[in-house]
Amino acid sequence: YNTTLTQDEICIKLNIKKGRIRFLIEKHKIKRKPNRTVKQIEASKANMKNIIDNKLKRNSGIQTKEHYEKLFKTRFGYDYSDFLKQQTEYKKYYNKVRNITNKNLRKYKHLFENLDKLGRCGDGDKFQVDHIFSIKEGFNLSIVPELIGHPSNLRVISWRQNLTKSNNCEITLDILMNNANEFLTKYHKILI
């Protein structure tokens, strides 16, 4: 009770664990001095700094292009720029459409039901995002990715329906463009 040592220092000095000290304090209803010593304050600051640093390391993700290149090289054995060169034109187009689709889903989430139940094929009662006018057909006809990923071309359907539909288009290009125009007039803006 009278010591100015921190709990960590007491643990080291007596060679016991912190939990044991806490147990004894609670058991004997010992109240430690409310005013912390300089050592205790410094120890607390150092501990907090370590916690923050560890969280930043864990959650900060990729910070720079160089970091990303290094990460990619260590995981896959070649540079990210080499990977991009190897990608097919369709894969680049597909990735652009998916990126635009995800932005639109976040922005217009109030328009779609079952977004909280998205999942993979074969995963129970899960749903998937479907492009009514398919990405494959959009690529074949050289349609801009913004139109294929437009909210008017998106719907959330069960994975079984999406699997059955595959790359088929359920609407024509004219209907797709009309739907996009109607959406624009209704909501007064478009996310590109």
C-alpha atoms as a PDB file:
ATOM      1  CA  TYR A   1       0.000   0.000   0.000  1.00  0.00           C
ATOM      2  CA  ASN A   2       2.702   2.482   0.942  1.00  0.00           C
ATOM      3  CA  THR A   3       5.045   1.682  -1.914  1.00  0.00           C
ATOM      4  CA  THR A   4       5.583   4.087  -4.789  1.00  0.00           C
ATOM      5  CA  LEU A   5       6.369   1.192  -7.113  1.00  0.00           C
ATOM      6  CA  THR A   6       4.096   0.481 -10.056  1.00  0.00           C
ATOM      7  CA  GLN A   7       2.305  -2.861 -10.315  1.00  0.00           C
ATOM      8  CA  ASP A   8       4.776  -3.915 -13.012  1.00  0.00           C
ATOM      9  CA  GLU A   9       7.723  -3.114 -10.739  1.00  0.00           C
ATOM     10  CA  ILE A  10       6.118  -5.005  -7.838  1.00  0.00           C
ATOM     11  CA  CYS A  11       5.618  -8.009 -10.143  1.00  0.00           C
ATOM     12  CA  ILE A  12       9.277  -7.999 -11.114  1.00  0.00           C
ATOM     13  CA  LYS A  13      10.502  -7.459  -7.541  1.00  0.00           C
ATOM     14  CA  LEU A  14       8.346 -10.213  -6.019  1.00  0.00           C
ATOM     15  CA  ASN A  15       8.436 -12.428  -9.132  1.00  0.00           C
ATOM     16  CA  ILE A  16       4.643 -12.788  -9.317  1.00  0.00           C
ATOM     17  CA  LYS A  17       1.986 -12.040 -11.938  1.00  0.00           C
ATOM     18  CA  LYS A  18      -0.143  -8.898 -12.099  1.00  0.00           C
ATOM     19  CA  GLY A  19      -3.316 -10.895 -11.619  1.00  0.00           C
ATOM     20  CA  ARG A  20      -2.064 -12.076  -8.231  1.00  0.00           C
ATOM     21  CA  ILE A  21      -1.471  -8.497  -7.098  1.00  0.00           C
ATOM     22  CA  ARG A  22      -4.949  -7.465  -8.261  1.00  0.00           C
ATOM     23  CA  PHE A  23      -6.427 -10.485  -6.436  1.00  0.00           C
ATOM     24  CA  LEU A  24      -4.682  -9.522  -3.174  1.00  0.00           C
ATOM     25  CA  ILE A  25      -5.735  -5.877  -3.496  1.00  0.00           C
ATOM     26  CA  GLU A  26      -9.370  -6.883  -4.026  1.00  0.00           C
ATOM     27  CA  LYS A  27      -9.304  -9.614  -1.342  1.00  0.00           C
ATOM     28  CA  HIS A  28      -7.933  -7.339   1.368  1.00  0.00           C
ATOM     29  CA  LYS A  29      -9.846  -4.305   0.073  1.00  0.00           C
ATOM     30  CA  ILE A  30      -6.653  -2.306  -0.111  1.00  0.00           C
ATOM     31  CA  LYS A  31      -7.006   1.172  -1.543  1.00  0.00           C
ATOM     32  CA  ARG A  32      -3.984   2.461  -3.315  1.00  0.00           C
ATOM     33  CA  LYS A  33      -3.097   6.112  -3.120  1.00  0.00           C
ATOM     34  CA  PRO A  34      -5.214   8.074  -5.577  1.00  0.00           C
ATOM     35  CA  ASN A  35      -2.271  10.289  -6.541  1.00  0.00           C
ATOM     36  CA  ARG A  36      -0.100   8.447  -8.951  1.00  0.00           C
ATOM     37  CA  THR A  37       3.637   8.801  -8.776  1.00  0.00           C
ATOM     38  CA  VAL A  38       5.749  10.097 -11.638  1.00  0.00           C
ATOM     39  CA  LYS A  39       6.921   6.517 -12.291  1.00  0.00           C
ATOM     40  CA  GLN A  40       3.344   5.302 -12.550  1.00  0.00           C
ATOM     41  CA  ILE A  41       2.374   8.115 -14.911  1.00  0.00           C
ATOM     42  CA  GLU A  42       5.411   7.447 -17.139  1.00  0.00           C
ATOM     43  CA  ALA A  43       4.709   3.701 -17.136  1.00  0.00           C
ATOM     44  CA  SER A  44       1.089   4.376 -18.070  1.00  0.00           C
ATOM     45  CA  LYS A  45       2.125   6.712 -20.910  1.00  0.00           C
ATOM     46  CA  ALA A  46       4.640   4.172 -22.236  1.00  0.00           C
ATOM     47  CA  ASN A  47       2.028   1.401 -22.078  1.00  0.00           C
ATOM     48  CA  MET A  48      -0.529   3.566 -23.904  1.00  0.00           C
ATOM     49  CA  LYS A  49       2.038   4.493 -26.558  1.00  0.00           C
ATOM     50  CA  ASN A  50       2.782   0.786 -27.140  1.00  0.00           C
ATOM     51  CA  ILE A  51      -0.924  -0.001 -27.449  1.00  0.00           C
ATOM     52  CA  ILE A  52      -1.456   2.839 -29.949  1.00  0.00           C
ATOM     53  CA  ASP A  53       1.642   1.888 -31.965  1.00  0.00           C
ATOM     54  CA  ASN A  54       0.536  -1.757 -32.148  1.00  0.00           C
ATOM     55  CA  LYS A  55      -2.978  -0.767 -33.271  1.00  0.00           C
ATOM     56  CA  LEU A  56      -1.543   1.555 -35.916  1.00  0.00           C
ATOM     57  CA  LYS A  57       0.721  -1.194 -37.226  1.00  0.00           C
ATOM     58  CA  ARG A  58      -2.187  -3.625 -37.334  1.00  0.00           C
ATOM     59  CA  ASN A  59      -4.818  -1.307 -38.810  1.00  0.00           C
ATOM     60  CA  SER A  60      -2.918   1.210 -40.908  1.00  0.00           C
ATOM     61  CA  GLY A  61      -2.676  -1.087 -43.910  1.00  0.00           C
ATOM     62  CA  ILE A  62      -0.689  -0.128 -46.960  1.00  0.00           C
ATOM     63  CA  GLN A  63       0.576   3.420 -46.661  1.00  0.00           C
ATOM     64  CA  THR A  64       2.742   4.032 -49.722  1.00  0.00           C
ATOM     65  CA  LYS A  65       3.187   2.698 -53.210  1.00  0.00           C
ATOM     66  CA  GLU A  66       6.647   1.422 -52.238  1.00  0.00           C
ATOM     67  CA  HIS A  67       5.173  -0.443 -49.285  1.00  0.00           C
ATOM     68  CA  TYR A  68       2.573  -2.007 -51.569  1.00  0.00           C
ATOM     69  CA  GLU A  69       5.240  -3.010 -54.112  1.00  0.00           C
ATOM     70  CA  LYS A  70       7.343  -4.611 -51.368  1.00  0.00           C
ATOM     71  CA  LEU A  71       4.331  -6.430 -49.929  1.00  0.00           C
ATOM     72  CA  PHE A  72       3.299  -7.711 -53.346  1.00  0.00           C
ATOM     73  CA  LYS A  73       6.861  -8.820 -54.152  1.00  0.00           C
ATOM     74  CA  THR A  74       7.223 -10.780 -50.906  1.00  0.00           C
ATOM     75  CA  ARG A  75       3.819 -12.466 -51.245  1.00  0.00           C
ATOM     76  CA  PHE A  76       3.793 -13.304 -54.941  1.00  0.00           C
ATOM     77  CA  GLY A  77       7.427 -13.083 -56.040  1.00  0.00           C
ATOM     78  CA  TYR A  78       6.996 -10.350 -58.672  1.00  0.00           C
ATOM     79  CA  ASP A  79       6.247  -6.629 -58.799  1.00  0.00           C
ATOM     80  CA  TYR A  80       2.742  -5.191 -58.807  1.00  0.00           C
ATOM     81  CA  SER A  81       3.527  -3.328 -62.041  1.00  0.00           C
ATOM     82  CA  ASP A  82       4.402  -6.688 -63.657  1.00  0.00           C
ATOM     83  CA  PHE A  83       1.118  -8.079 -62.392  1.00  0.00           C
ATOM     84  CA  LEU A  84      -0.807  -5.179 -63.966  1.00  0.00           C
ATOM     85  CA  LYS A  85       0.969  -5.755 -67.297  1.00  0.00           C
ATOM     86  CA  GLN A  86      -0.055  -9.430 -67.228  1.00  0.00           C
ATOM     87  CA  GLN A  87      -3.720  -8.630 -66.588  1.00  0.00           C
ATOM     88  CA  THR A  88      -6.056  -9.050 -69.535  1.00  0.00           C
ATOM     89  CA  GLU A  89      -8.082  -6.103 -70.799  1.00  0.00           C
ATOM     90  CA  TYR A  90     -11.258  -7.835 -69.631  1.00  0.00           C
ATOM     91  CA  LYS A  91      -9.890  -8.227 -66.082  1.00  0.00           C
ATOM     92  CA  LYS A  92      -8.987  -4.504 -65.954  1.00  0.00           C
ATOM     93  CA  TYR A  93     -12.481  -3.616 -67.213  1.00  0.00           C
ATOM     94  CA  TYR A  94     -14.079  -6.015 -64.709  1.00  0.00           C
ATOM     95  CA  ASN A  95     -12.127  -4.480 -61.802  1.00  0.00           C
ATOM     96  CA  LYS A  96     -13.166  -0.951 -62.834  1.00  0.00           C
ATOM     97  CA  VAL A  97     -16.828  -1.980 -62.997  1.00  0.00           C
ATOM     98  CA  ARG A  98     -16.647  -3.706 -59.596  1.00  0.00           C
ATOM     99  CA  ASN A  99     -15.017  -0.636 -58.053  1.00  0.00           C
ATOM    100  CA  ILE A 100     -17.744   1.654 -59.437  1.00  0.00           C
ATOM    101  CA  THR A 101     -20.418  -0.855 -58.386  1.00  0.00           C
ATOM    102  CA  ASN A 102     -19.150  -0.907 -54.787  1.00  0.00           C
ATOM    103  CA  LYS A 103     -19.103   2.906 -54.629  1.00  0.00           C
ATOM    104  CA  ASN A 104     -22.664   3.064 -55.936  1.00  0.00           C
ATOM    105  CA  LEU A 105     -23.845   0.401 -53.498  1.00  0.00           C
ATOM    106  CA  ARG A 106     -22.419   2.384 -50.598  1.00  0.00           C
ATOM    107  CA  LYS A 107     -23.882   5.664 -51.837  1.00  0.00           C
ATOM    108  CA  TYR A 108     -27.338   4.323 -52.744  1.00  0.00           C
ATOM    109  CA  LYS A 109     -27.656   1.536 -50.175  1.00  0.00           C
ATOM    110  CA  HIS A 110     -31.178   2.726 -49.301  1.00  0.00           C
ATOM    111  CA  LEU A 111     -32.338   1.589 -52.780  1.00  0.00           C
ATOM    112  CA  PHE A 112     -31.298  -2.056 -52.350  1.00  0.00           C
ATOM    113  CA  GLU A 113     -32.760  -4.715 -50.087  1.00  0.00           C
ATOM    114  CA  ASN A 114     -30.759  -7.586 -48.544  1.00  0.00           C
ATOM    115  CA  LEU A 115     -27.363  -5.850 -48.781  1.00  0.00           C
ATOM    116  CA  ASP A 116     -26.682  -7.105 -45.264  1.00  0.00           C
ATOM    117  CA  LYS A 117     -27.119 -10.698 -46.493  1.00  0.00           C
ATOM    118  CA  LEU A 118     -24.514 -10.705 -49.282  1.00  0.00           C
ATOM    119  CA  GLY A 119     -22.443 -13.868 -49.592  1.00  0.00           C
ATOM    120  CA  ARG A 120     -20.894 -16.492 -51.860  1.00  0.00           C
ATOM    121  CA  CYS A 121     -22.465 -19.148 -54.059  1.00  0.00           C
ATOM    122  CA  GLY A 122     -23.701 -22.132 -52.088  1.00  0.00           C
ATOM    123  CA  ASP A 123     -23.772 -20.197 -48.838  1.00  0.00           C
ATOM    124  CA  GLY A 124     -27.307 -20.833 -47.529  1.00  0.00           C
ATOM    125  CA  ASP A 125     -29.765 -17.987 -48.045  1.00  0.00           C
ATOM    126  CA  LYS A 126     -27.168 -15.449 -49.166  1.00  0.00           C
ATOM    127  CA  PHE A 127     -27.641 -12.845 -51.892  1.00  0.00           C
ATOM    128  CA  GLN A 128     -25.353 -11.383 -54.549  1.00  0.00           C
ATOM    129  CA  VAL A 129     -25.154  -8.157 -56.522  1.00  0.00           C
ATOM    130  CA  ASP A 130     -26.184  -8.708 -60.128  1.00  0.00           C
ATOM    131  CA  HIS A 131     -25.493  -6.516 -63.138  1.00  0.00           C
ATOM    132  CA  ILE A 132     -28.698  -6.734 -65.173  1.00  0.00           C
ATOM    133  CA  PHE A 133     -26.759  -5.856 -68.328  1.00  0.00           C
ATOM    134  CA  SER A 134     -23.753  -8.114 -67.764  1.00  0.00           C
ATOM    135  CA  ILE A 135     -20.150  -6.988 -67.359  1.00  0.00           C
ATOM    136  CA  LYS A 136     -19.041  -9.442 -70.068  1.00  0.00           C
ATOM    137  CA  GLU A 137     -21.461  -7.980 -72.612  1.00  0.00           C
ATOM    138  CA  GLY A 138     -20.483  -4.458 -71.576  1.00  0.00           C
ATOM    139  CA  PHE A 139     -16.858  -5.321 -72.297  1.00  0.00           C
ATOM    140  CA  ASN A 140     -17.725  -6.924 -75.651  1.00  0.00           C
ATOM    141  CA  LEU A 141     -19.674  -3.813 -76.731  1.00  0.00           C
ATOM    142  CA  SER A 142     -17.079  -1.376 -75.291  1.00  0.00           C
ATOM    143  CA  ILE A 143     -19.583   0.287 -72.957  1.00  0.00           C
ATOM    144  CA  VAL A 144     -18.079   2.628 -70.371  1.00  0.00           C
ATOM    145  CA  PRO A 145     -17.675   0.918 -66.958  1.00  0.00           C
ATOM    146  CA  GLU A 146     -19.642   3.738 -65.281  1.00  0.00           C
ATOM    147  CA  LEU A 147     -22.806   2.695 -67.125  1.00  0.00           C
ATOM    148  CA  ILE A 148     -22.427  -1.015 -66.284  1.00  0.00           C
ATOM    149  CA  GLY A 149     -21.780  -0.226 -62.593  1.00  0.00           C
ATOM    150  CA  HIS A 150     -24.594   2.358 -62.493  1.00  0.00           C
ATOM    151  CA  PRO A 151     -27.229   1.876 -59.737  1.00  0.00           C
ATOM    152  CA  SER A 152     -29.983   1.475 -62.338  1.00  0.00           C
ATOM    153  CA  ASN A 153     -28.139  -1.606 -63.658  1.00  0.00           C
ATOM    154  CA  LEU A 154     -27.752  -3.215 -60.231  1.00  0.00           C
ATOM    155  CA  ARG A 155     -30.000  -5.480 -58.222  1.00  0.00           C
ATOM    156  CA  VAL A 156     -29.566  -7.842 -55.296  1.00  0.00           C
ATOM    157  CA  ILE A 157     -30.742 -11.385 -56.035  1.00  0.00           C
ATOM    158  CA  SER A 158     -30.197 -14.798 -54.469  1.00  0.00           C
ATOM    159  CA  TRP A 159     -26.998 -16.600 -55.376  1.00  0.00           C
ATOM    160  CA  ARG A 160     -29.049 -19.344 -57.084  1.00  0.00           C
ATOM    161  CA  GLN A 161     -30.679 -16.816 -59.427  1.00  0.00           C
ATOM    162  CA  ASN A 162     -27.320 -15.170 -60.113  1.00  0.00           C
ATOM    163  CA  LEU A 163     -25.722 -18.537 -60.887  1.00  0.00           C
ATOM    164  CA  THR A 164     -28.541 -19.400 -63.290  1.00  0.00           C
ATOM    165  CA  LYS A 165     -28.334 -16.001 -65.010  1.00  0.00           C
ATOM    166  CA  SER A 166     -24.545 -16.222 -65.461  1.00  0.00           C
ATOM    167  CA  ASN A 167     -23.312 -13.725 -68.120  1.00  0.00           C
ATOM    168  CA  ASN A 168     -26.682 -13.291 -69.811  1.00  0.00           C
ATOM    169  CA  CYS A 169     -28.233  -9.865 -70.270  1.00  0.00           C
ATOM    170  CA  GLU A 170     -31.848  -9.415 -69.266  1.00  0.00           C
ATOM    171  CA  ILE A 171     -32.177  -5.975 -70.874  1.00  0.00           C
ATOM    172  CA  THR A 172     -31.007  -4.317 -74.068  1.00  0.00           C
ATOM    173  CA  LEU A 173     -28.540  -1.453 -74.298  1.00  0.00           C
ATOM    174  CA  ASP A 174     -31.398   0.990 -75.059  1.00  0.00           C
ATOM    175  CA  ILE A 175     -33.262  -0.039 -71.898  1.00  0.00           C
ATOM    176  CA  LEU A 176     -30.052   0.280 -69.882  1.00  0.00           C
ATOM    177  CA  MET A 177     -29.514   3.835 -71.111  1.00  0.00           C
ATOM    178  CA  ASN A 178     -33.183   4.759 -70.510  1.00  0.00           C
ATOM    179  CA  ASN A 179     -32.991   3.365 -66.959  1.00  0.00           C
ATOM    180  CA  ALA A 180     -29.845   5.404 -66.294  1.00  0.00           C
ATOM    181  CA  ASN A 181     -31.529   8.573 -67.617  1.00  0.00           C
ATOM    182  CA  GLU A 182     -34.623   7.978 -65.479  1.00  0.00           C
ATOM    183  CA  PHE A 183     -32.424   7.404 -62.447  1.00  0.00           C
ATOM    184  CA  LEU A 184     -30.579  10.659 -63.181  1.00  0.00           C
ATOM    185  CA  THR A 185     -33.782  12.683 -63.410  1.00  0.00           C
ATOM    186  CA  LYS A 186     -35.228  11.040 -60.307  1.00  0.00           C
ATOM    187  CA  TYR A 187     -32.174  11.451 -58.048  1.00  0.00           C
ATOM    188  CA  HIS A 188     -30.627  14.523 -59.783  1.00  0.00           C
ATOM    189  CA  LYS A 189     -27.137  13.135 -59.664  1.00  0.00           C
ATOM    190  CA  ILE A 190     -25.039  10.256 -60.856  1.00  0.00           C
ATOM    191  CA  LEU A 191     -21.979   8.760 -59.227  1.00  0.00           C
ATOM    192  CA  ILE A 192     -19.139   8.306 -61.692  1.00  0.00           C
END
